[in-house]
């Protein structure tokens, strides 16, 4: 009964060009990891931001744990991301450039039972790029149907 938890941000690939991906650990409370293991989290509106040279994920929604007491967590609190110093320095310099941002792409539980957040260095797409993405999806879907 060991099901894998994988929560994806499906809008990310449509809205952004994903240039480089990083795997980050998160500082979580006990009730937060329990809710994630139940699959009750969303990263659709989440984004990453730097505060005092530390990286945080903001606006990520983790539903309150149903069996939690008065010590339950705040659903949309900022959570610190854990990366090595070299990666943080690289991301900090890249995000200061115009047009680059950090977005969460995937939240999952790894083999050791730890919650990991895959973040991507991304550049926003223009409207014509989004149209091109839709057109390419339609072409791929049509060729797949013709093969069957």
N, C-alpha and C. Protein backbone atom coordinates (compact mmCIF):
# COMPACT_ATOMS: atom_id res chain seq x y z
N UNK A 1 0.81 -1.19 0.00
CA UNK A 1 0.00 0.00 0.00
C UNK A 1 0.87 1.27 0.00
N UNK A 2 2.11 1.13 -0.38
CA UNK A 2 3.02 2.27 -0.40
C UNK A 2 2.83 3.05 -1.70
N UNK A 3 1.96 4.06 -1.66
CA UNK A 3 1.73 4.85 -2.86
C UNK A 3 2.68 6.05 -2.87
N UNK A 4 3.11 6.41 -4.06
CA UNK A 4 4.03 7.54 -4.16
C UNK A 4 3.25 8.84 -4.27
N UNK A 5 3.73 9.83 -3.59
CA UNK A 5 3.11 11.15 -3.61
C UNK A 5 3.89 12.02 -4.58
N UNK A 6 3.18 12.58 -5.54
CA UNK A 6 3.82 13.49 -6.50
C UNK A 6 2.79 14.55 -6.90
N UNK A 7 3.04 15.77 -6.47
CA UNK A 7 2.14 16.89 -6.76
C UNK A 7 2.86 17.79 -7.76
N UNK A 8 2.24 17.99 -8.93
CA UNK A 8 2.88 18.75 -10.00
C UNK A 8 2.21 20.10 -10.21
N UNK A 9 3.00 21.02 -10.73
CA UNK A 9 2.50 22.32 -11.15
C UNK A 9 2.36 22.27 -12.66
N UNK A 10 1.18 21.91 -13.14
CA UNK A 10 0.97 21.69 -14.56
C UNK A 10 1.00 23.00 -15.36
N UNK A 11 0.66 24.10 -14.73
CA UNK A 11 0.67 25.38 -15.42
C UNK A 11 2.08 25.90 -15.68
N UNK A 12 3.06 25.41 -14.93
CA UNK A 12 4.42 25.95 -15.01
C UNK A 12 5.02 25.81 -16.40
N UNK A 13 4.90 24.64 -17.02
CA UNK A 13 5.48 24.42 -18.34
C UNK A 13 4.77 25.22 -19.42
N UNK A 14 3.51 25.56 -19.19
CA UNK A 14 2.77 26.35 -20.16
C UNK A 14 3.10 27.84 -20.03
N UNK A 15 3.25 28.32 -18.80
CA UNK A 15 3.48 29.74 -18.56
C UNK A 15 4.94 30.16 -18.68
N UNK A 16 5.88 29.21 -18.51
CA UNK A 16 7.30 29.55 -18.44
C UNK A 16 8.15 28.60 -19.29
N UNK A 17 9.33 29.08 -19.70
CA UNK A 17 10.37 28.22 -20.24
C UNK A 17 11.17 27.74 -19.03
N UNK A 18 11.21 26.44 -18.77
CA UNK A 18 11.94 25.90 -17.63
C UNK A 18 13.37 25.64 -18.06
N UNK A 19 14.31 26.45 -17.57
CA UNK A 19 15.69 26.40 -18.04
C UNK A 19 16.56 25.41 -17.27
N UNK A 20 16.47 25.45 -15.95
CA UNK A 20 17.32 24.58 -15.12
C UNK A 20 16.54 24.16 -13.88
N UNK A 21 16.68 22.90 -13.50
CA UNK A 21 15.93 22.38 -12.34
C UNK A 21 16.85 22.07 -11.18
N UNK A 22 16.32 22.26 -9.97
CA UNK A 22 17.05 21.98 -8.74
C UNK A 22 16.14 21.23 -7.78
N UNK A 23 16.72 20.34 -6.98
CA UNK A 23 15.98 19.61 -5.96
C UNK A 23 16.32 20.22 -4.61
N UNK A 24 15.28 20.66 -3.90
CA UNK A 24 15.48 21.31 -2.61
C UNK A 24 14.70 20.59 -1.52
N UNK A 25 15.30 20.51 -0.35
CA UNK A 25 14.60 20.02 0.82
C UNK A 25 13.80 21.18 1.41
N UNK A 26 12.91 20.88 2.34
CA UNK A 26 12.09 21.93 2.96
C UNK A 26 12.09 21.78 4.47
N UNK A 27 12.01 22.91 5.15
CA UNK A 27 11.85 22.90 6.60
C UNK A 27 10.36 22.86 6.86
N UNK A 28 9.87 21.71 7.37
CA UNK A 28 8.44 21.50 7.58
C UNK A 28 8.15 21.20 9.05
N UNK A 29 6.91 21.45 9.43
CA UNK A 29 6.43 21.05 10.75
C UNK A 29 5.87 19.63 10.65
N UNK A 30 5.65 18.98 11.76
CA UNK A 30 5.17 17.60 11.78
C UNK A 30 3.82 17.41 11.12
N UNK A 31 2.90 18.36 11.35
CA UNK A 31 1.58 18.23 10.74
C UNK A 31 1.63 18.47 9.23
N UNK A 32 2.61 19.26 8.77
CA UNK A 32 2.73 19.54 7.33
C UNK A 32 3.15 18.29 6.56
N UNK A 33 4.12 17.56 7.06
CA UNK A 33 4.58 16.36 6.36
C UNK A 33 3.48 15.30 6.35
N UNK A 34 2.69 15.24 7.40
CA UNK A 34 1.58 14.28 7.44
C UNK A 34 0.54 14.62 6.38
N UNK A 35 0.25 15.91 6.19
CA UNK A 35 -0.70 16.32 5.16
C UNK A 35 -0.15 16.06 3.76
N UNK A 36 1.14 16.29 3.56
CA UNK A 36 1.76 16.02 2.25
C UNK A 36 1.70 14.54 1.94
N UNK A 37 1.94 13.70 2.94
CA UNK A 37 1.87 12.24 2.71
C UNK A 37 0.47 11.79 2.36
N UNK A 38 -0.54 12.55 2.74
CA UNK A 38 -1.93 12.27 2.35
C UNK A 38 -2.25 12.87 0.99
N UNK A 39 -1.30 13.63 0.42
CA UNK A 39 -1.52 14.24 -0.89
C UNK A 39 -2.32 15.52 -0.85
N UNK A 40 -2.39 16.15 0.30
CA UNK A 40 -3.23 17.35 0.47
C UNK A 40 -2.38 18.62 0.43
N UNK A 41 -1.79 18.88 -0.75
CA UNK A 41 -0.97 20.07 -0.93
C UNK A 41 -1.14 20.57 -2.36
N UNK A 42 -0.87 21.85 -2.55
CA UNK A 42 -0.97 22.44 -3.88
C UNK A 42 0.17 23.43 -4.08
N UNK A 43 0.80 23.36 -5.27
CA UNK A 43 1.88 24.30 -5.59
C UNK A 43 1.52 25.15 -6.81
N UNK A 44 0.25 25.19 -7.18
CA UNK A 44 -0.16 25.91 -8.37
C UNK A 44 0.11 27.42 -8.28
N UNK A 45 -0.15 28.04 -7.15
CA UNK A 45 0.06 29.49 -7.01
C UNK A 45 1.38 29.82 -6.30
N UNK A 46 2.20 28.82 -6.04
CA UNK A 46 3.42 29.03 -5.26
C UNK A 46 4.53 29.66 -6.10
N UNK A 47 5.42 30.36 -5.40
CA UNK A 47 6.60 30.95 -6.03
C UNK A 47 7.72 30.97 -5.01
N UNK A 48 8.95 31.16 -5.49
CA UNK A 48 10.11 31.18 -4.60
C UNK A 48 10.67 32.60 -4.54
N UNK A 49 11.14 32.99 -3.36
CA UNK A 49 11.70 34.32 -3.17
C UNK A 49 12.84 34.27 -2.16
N UNK A 50 13.77 35.19 -2.33
CA UNK A 50 14.91 35.29 -1.41
C UNK A 50 14.62 36.29 -0.31
N UNK A 51 15.01 35.93 0.92
CA UNK A 51 14.96 36.83 2.07
C UNK A 51 16.26 36.64 2.82
N UNK A 52 17.07 37.70 2.90
CA UNK A 52 18.36 37.65 3.61
C UNK A 52 19.23 36.50 3.11
N UNK A 53 19.37 36.35 1.81
CA UNK A 53 20.18 35.30 1.17
C UNK A 53 19.72 33.89 1.51
N UNK A 54 18.48 33.73 1.91
CA UNK A 54 17.89 32.41 2.12
C UNK A 54 16.69 32.29 1.19
N UNK A 55 16.46 31.08 0.67
CA UNK A 55 15.39 30.87 -0.29
C UNK A 55 14.15 30.31 0.41
N UNK A 56 13.00 30.92 0.13
CA UNK A 56 11.73 30.50 0.71
C UNK A 56 10.72 30.23 -0.39
N UNK A 57 9.84 29.25 -0.15
CA UNK A 57 8.70 29.04 -1.05
C UNK A 57 7.50 29.69 -0.37
N UNK A 58 6.81 30.52 -1.14
CA UNK A 58 5.69 31.28 -0.59
C UNK A 58 4.40 30.88 -1.29
N UNK A 59 3.31 30.99 -0.58
CA UNK A 59 1.97 30.75 -1.10
C UNK A 59 1.72 29.28 -1.48
N UNK A 60 2.55 28.37 -1.00
CA UNK A 60 2.30 26.94 -1.21
C UNK A 60 1.26 26.51 -0.18
N UNK A 61 0.20 25.87 -0.64
CA UNK A 61 -0.89 25.50 0.25
C UNK A 61 -0.74 24.05 0.70
N UNK A 62 -0.61 23.86 2.00
CA UNK A 62 -0.63 22.52 2.60
C UNK A 62 -1.82 22.52 3.56
N UNK A 63 -2.80 21.69 3.27
CA UNK A 63 -4.02 21.64 4.07
C UNK A 63 -3.69 21.28 5.51
N UNK A 64 -4.43 21.87 6.45
CA UNK A 64 -4.22 21.55 7.86
C UNK A 64 -4.48 20.06 8.08
N UNK A 65 -3.66 19.45 8.93
CA UNK A 65 -3.79 18.03 9.24
C UNK A 65 -5.08 17.82 10.04
N UNK A 66 -5.91 16.89 9.57
CA UNK A 66 -7.24 16.74 10.18
C UNK A 66 -7.19 16.27 11.63
N UNK A 67 -6.13 15.54 12.02
CA UNK A 67 -6.03 15.06 13.40
C UNK A 67 -5.12 15.95 14.24
N UNK A 68 -4.72 17.09 13.68
CA UNK A 68 -3.86 18.02 14.41
C UNK A 68 -4.63 18.71 15.52
N UNK A 69 -3.94 19.08 16.56
CA UNK A 69 -4.59 19.76 17.69
C UNK A 69 -4.48 21.27 17.48
N UNK A 70 -4.40 22.00 18.57
CA UNK A 70 -4.24 23.45 18.46
C UNK A 70 -2.85 23.83 17.96
N UNK A 71 -1.95 22.84 17.82
CA UNK A 71 -0.59 23.08 17.32
C UNK A 71 -0.50 22.85 15.81
N UNK A 72 -1.64 22.91 15.13
CA UNK A 72 -1.66 22.70 13.68
C UNK A 72 -0.97 23.88 12.99
N UNK A 73 -0.57 23.68 11.73
CA UNK A 73 0.20 24.69 11.00
C UNK A 73 -0.69 25.66 10.22
N UNK A 74 -0.11 26.77 9.82
CA UNK A 74 -0.76 27.75 8.95
C UNK A 74 -0.67 27.22 7.51
N UNK A 75 -1.79 27.10 6.77
CA UNK A 75 -1.77 26.46 5.45
C UNK A 75 -0.86 27.13 4.41
N UNK A 76 -0.76 28.46 4.40
CA UNK A 76 0.02 29.15 3.37
C UNK A 76 1.25 29.86 3.92
N UNK A 77 1.87 29.36 4.96
CA UNK A 77 3.03 30.03 5.53
C UNK A 77 4.25 29.88 4.61
N UNK A 78 5.23 30.75 4.79
CA UNK A 78 6.48 30.65 4.02
C UNK A 78 7.31 29.51 4.58
N UNK A 79 7.90 28.71 3.69
CA UNK A 79 8.71 27.57 4.12
C UNK A 79 10.11 27.70 3.54
N UNK A 80 11.11 27.52 4.39
CA UNK A 80 12.50 27.66 3.97
C UNK A 80 12.90 26.46 3.12
N UNK A 81 13.62 26.75 2.02
CA UNK A 81 14.13 25.69 1.16
C UNK A 81 15.60 25.45 1.48
N UNK A 82 15.99 24.19 1.42
CA UNK A 82 17.35 23.79 1.76
C UNK A 82 18.12 23.40 0.50
N UNK A 83 19.09 24.22 0.14
CA UNK A 83 19.98 23.97 -0.99
C UNK A 83 21.41 24.20 -0.51
N UNK A 84 22.39 23.69 -1.26
CA UNK A 84 23.76 23.98 -0.84
C UNK A 84 24.13 25.41 -1.23
N UNK A 85 25.17 25.92 -0.61
CA UNK A 85 25.54 27.33 -0.72
C UNK A 85 25.82 27.74 -2.17
N UNK A 86 26.46 26.87 -2.92
CA UNK A 86 26.81 27.18 -4.31
C UNK A 86 25.54 27.35 -5.17
N UNK A 87 24.55 26.49 -4.94
CA UNK A 87 23.30 26.59 -5.70
C UNK A 87 22.53 27.86 -5.34
N UNK A 88 22.50 28.21 -4.06
CA UNK A 88 21.81 29.42 -3.63
C UNK A 88 22.45 30.66 -4.25
N UNK A 89 23.78 30.70 -4.25
CA UNK A 89 24.49 31.83 -4.83
C UNK A 89 24.20 31.96 -6.32
N UNK A 90 24.19 30.82 -7.03
CA UNK A 90 23.91 30.81 -8.46
C UNK A 90 22.50 31.31 -8.74
N UNK A 91 21.52 30.82 -7.97
CA UNK A 91 20.13 31.22 -8.16
C UNK A 91 19.91 32.69 -7.81
N UNK A 92 20.60 33.16 -6.80
CA UNK A 92 20.46 34.56 -6.39
C UNK A 92 20.94 35.49 -7.50
N UNK A 93 22.08 35.17 -8.13
CA UNK A 93 22.58 36.02 -9.21
C UNK A 93 21.69 35.93 -10.45
N UNK A 94 21.17 34.74 -10.76
CA UNK A 94 20.31 34.57 -11.93
C UNK A 94 18.97 35.29 -11.77
N UNK A 95 18.38 35.24 -10.58
CA UNK A 95 17.07 35.87 -10.39
C UNK A 95 17.17 37.39 -10.37
N UNK A 96 18.36 37.94 -10.17
CA UNK A 96 18.51 39.39 -10.24
C UNK A 96 18.51 39.87 -11.68
N UNK A 97 18.76 38.96 -12.63
CA UNK A 97 18.69 39.32 -14.05
C UNK A 97 17.22 39.51 -14.44
N UNK A 98 17.00 40.35 -15.41
CA UNK A 98 15.64 40.67 -15.85
C UNK A 98 14.98 39.46 -16.51
N UNK A 99 13.75 39.15 -16.07
CA UNK A 99 12.97 38.11 -16.71
C UNK A 99 13.08 36.73 -16.10
N UNK A 100 14.01 36.51 -15.17
CA UNK A 100 14.17 35.19 -14.57
C UNK A 100 13.45 35.11 -13.24
N UNK A 101 12.88 33.94 -12.96
CA UNK A 101 12.19 33.71 -11.70
C UNK A 101 12.38 32.26 -11.28
N UNK A 102 12.03 31.96 -10.05
CA UNK A 102 12.09 30.59 -9.54
C UNK A 102 10.67 30.13 -9.24
N UNK A 103 10.30 28.98 -9.80
CA UNK A 103 8.97 28.46 -9.56
C UNK A 103 9.04 27.00 -9.15
N UNK A 104 8.17 26.57 -8.22
CA UNK A 104 8.10 25.16 -7.87
C UNK A 104 7.42 24.38 -8.99
N UNK A 105 8.00 23.24 -9.34
CA UNK A 105 7.48 22.43 -10.43
C UNK A 105 6.84 21.15 -9.92
N UNK A 106 7.46 20.56 -8.87
CA UNK A 106 6.99 19.25 -8.40
C UNK A 106 7.31 19.10 -6.92
N UNK A 107 6.35 18.58 -6.17
CA UNK A 107 6.52 18.27 -4.75
C UNK A 107 6.35 16.77 -4.61
N UNK A 108 7.32 16.10 -4.00
CA UNK A 108 7.24 14.65 -3.90
C UNK A 108 7.94 14.15 -2.63
N UNK A 109 7.69 12.89 -2.31
CA UNK A 109 8.34 12.22 -1.19
C UNK A 109 9.40 11.29 -1.80
N UNK A 110 10.66 11.44 -1.39
CA UNK A 110 11.72 10.61 -1.97
C UNK A 110 11.78 9.23 -1.30
N UNK A 111 12.76 8.42 -1.70
CA UNK A 111 12.89 7.04 -1.19
C UNK A 111 13.09 6.99 0.32
N UNK A 112 13.72 8.01 0.88
CA UNK A 112 13.99 8.03 2.32
C UNK A 112 12.81 8.57 3.13
N UNK A 113 11.74 8.96 2.45
CA UNK A 113 10.56 9.47 3.13
C UNK A 113 10.60 10.96 3.39
N UNK A 114 11.53 11.68 2.74
CA UNK A 114 11.64 13.12 2.94
C UNK A 114 10.90 13.87 1.84
N UNK A 115 10.28 14.97 2.20
CA UNK A 115 9.57 15.79 1.21
C UNK A 115 10.58 16.64 0.47
N UNK A 116 10.55 16.59 -0.86
CA UNK A 116 11.45 17.37 -1.70
C UNK A 116 10.63 18.22 -2.64
N UNK A 117 11.14 19.40 -2.94
CA UNK A 117 10.49 20.31 -3.87
C UNK A 117 11.43 20.54 -5.04
N UNK A 118 10.97 20.23 -6.23
CA UNK A 118 11.76 20.49 -7.43
C UNK A 118 11.41 21.89 -7.91
N UNK A 119 12.42 22.76 -7.94
CA UNK A 119 12.20 24.13 -8.40
C UNK A 119 12.93 24.32 -9.72
N UNK A 120 12.45 25.26 -10.50
CA UNK A 120 13.06 25.51 -11.81
C UNK A 120 13.35 26.98 -11.97
N UNK A 121 14.51 27.26 -12.56
CA UNK A 121 14.83 28.60 -12.98
C UNK A 121 14.08 28.81 -14.28
N UNK A 122 13.23 29.82 -14.34
CA UNK A 122 12.31 29.95 -15.47
C UNK A 122 12.30 31.36 -16.02
N UNK A 123 11.91 31.44 -17.28
CA UNK A 123 11.74 32.72 -17.96
C UNK A 123 10.32 32.72 -18.52
N UNK A 124 9.59 33.78 -18.31
CA UNK A 124 8.19 33.87 -18.72
C UNK A 124 8.01 33.80 -20.23
N UNK A 125 6.94 33.14 -20.65
CA UNK A 125 6.63 33.04 -22.07
C UNK A 125 5.76 34.23 -22.49
N UNK A 126 5.94 34.62 -23.73
CA UNK A 126 5.08 35.64 -24.33
C UNK A 126 3.83 34.94 -24.86
N UNK A 127 2.83 35.71 -25.26
CA UNK A 127 1.57 35.16 -25.74
C UNK A 127 1.78 34.27 -26.97
N UNK A 128 2.65 34.70 -27.89
CA UNK A 128 2.88 33.90 -29.09
C UNK A 128 3.59 32.59 -28.77
N UNK A 129 4.43 32.57 -27.73
CA UNK A 129 5.07 31.33 -27.31
C UNK A 129 4.04 30.35 -26.77
N UNK A 130 3.05 30.88 -26.04
CA UNK A 130 2.00 30.02 -25.49
C UNK A 130 1.15 29.43 -26.60
N UNK A 131 0.87 30.25 -27.63
CA UNK A 131 0.12 29.74 -28.78
C UNK A 131 0.88 28.63 -29.48
N UNK A 132 2.18 28.80 -29.60
CA UNK A 132 3.04 27.78 -30.23
C UNK A 132 3.02 26.48 -29.42
N UNK A 133 3.01 26.59 -28.09
CA UNK A 133 2.94 25.41 -27.23
C UNK A 133 1.63 24.67 -27.44
N UNK A 134 0.52 25.40 -27.52
CA UNK A 134 -0.79 24.78 -27.75
C UNK A 134 -0.81 24.10 -29.11
N UNK A 135 -0.28 24.76 -30.12
CA UNK A 135 -0.24 24.20 -31.48
C UNK A 135 0.58 22.90 -31.50
N UNK A 136 1.71 22.90 -30.81
CA UNK A 136 2.57 21.71 -30.77
C UNK A 136 1.87 20.55 -30.05
N UNK A 137 1.14 20.85 -28.98
CA UNK A 137 0.38 19.81 -28.26
C UNK A 137 -0.67 19.18 -29.16
N UNK A 138 -1.37 20.04 -29.94
CA UNK A 138 -2.39 19.53 -30.88
C UNK A 138 -1.77 18.64 -31.94
N UNK A 139 -0.63 19.04 -32.48
CA UNK A 139 0.06 18.24 -33.50
C UNK A 139 0.48 16.90 -32.92
N UNK A 140 1.05 16.92 -31.71
CA UNK A 140 1.49 15.67 -31.05
C UNK A 140 0.31 14.75 -30.79
N UNK A 141 -0.82 15.31 -30.37
CA UNK A 141 -2.01 14.53 -30.09
C UNK A 141 -2.55 13.88 -31.37
N UNK A 142 -2.56 14.64 -32.47
CA UNK A 142 -3.04 14.11 -33.76
C UNK A 142 -2.15 12.99 -34.27
N UNK A 143 -0.83 13.16 -34.17
CA UNK A 143 0.08 12.10 -34.64
C UNK A 143 -0.05 10.86 -33.78
N UNK A 144 -0.30 11.03 -32.49
CA UNK A 144 -0.49 9.88 -31.60
C UNK A 144 -1.77 9.12 -31.96
N UNK A 145 -2.83 9.85 -32.31
CA UNK A 145 -4.09 9.21 -32.71
C UNK A 145 -3.93 8.44 -34.02
N UNK A 146 -3.15 8.98 -34.95
CA UNK A 146 -2.97 8.33 -36.24
C UNK A 146 -2.15 7.05 -36.12
N UNK A 147 -1.28 7.00 -35.12
CA UNK A 147 -0.48 5.79 -34.89
C UNK A 147 -1.32 4.63 -34.40
N UNK A 148 -2.37 4.93 -33.66
CA UNK A 148 -3.21 3.89 -33.05
C UNK A 148 -4.17 3.30 -34.01
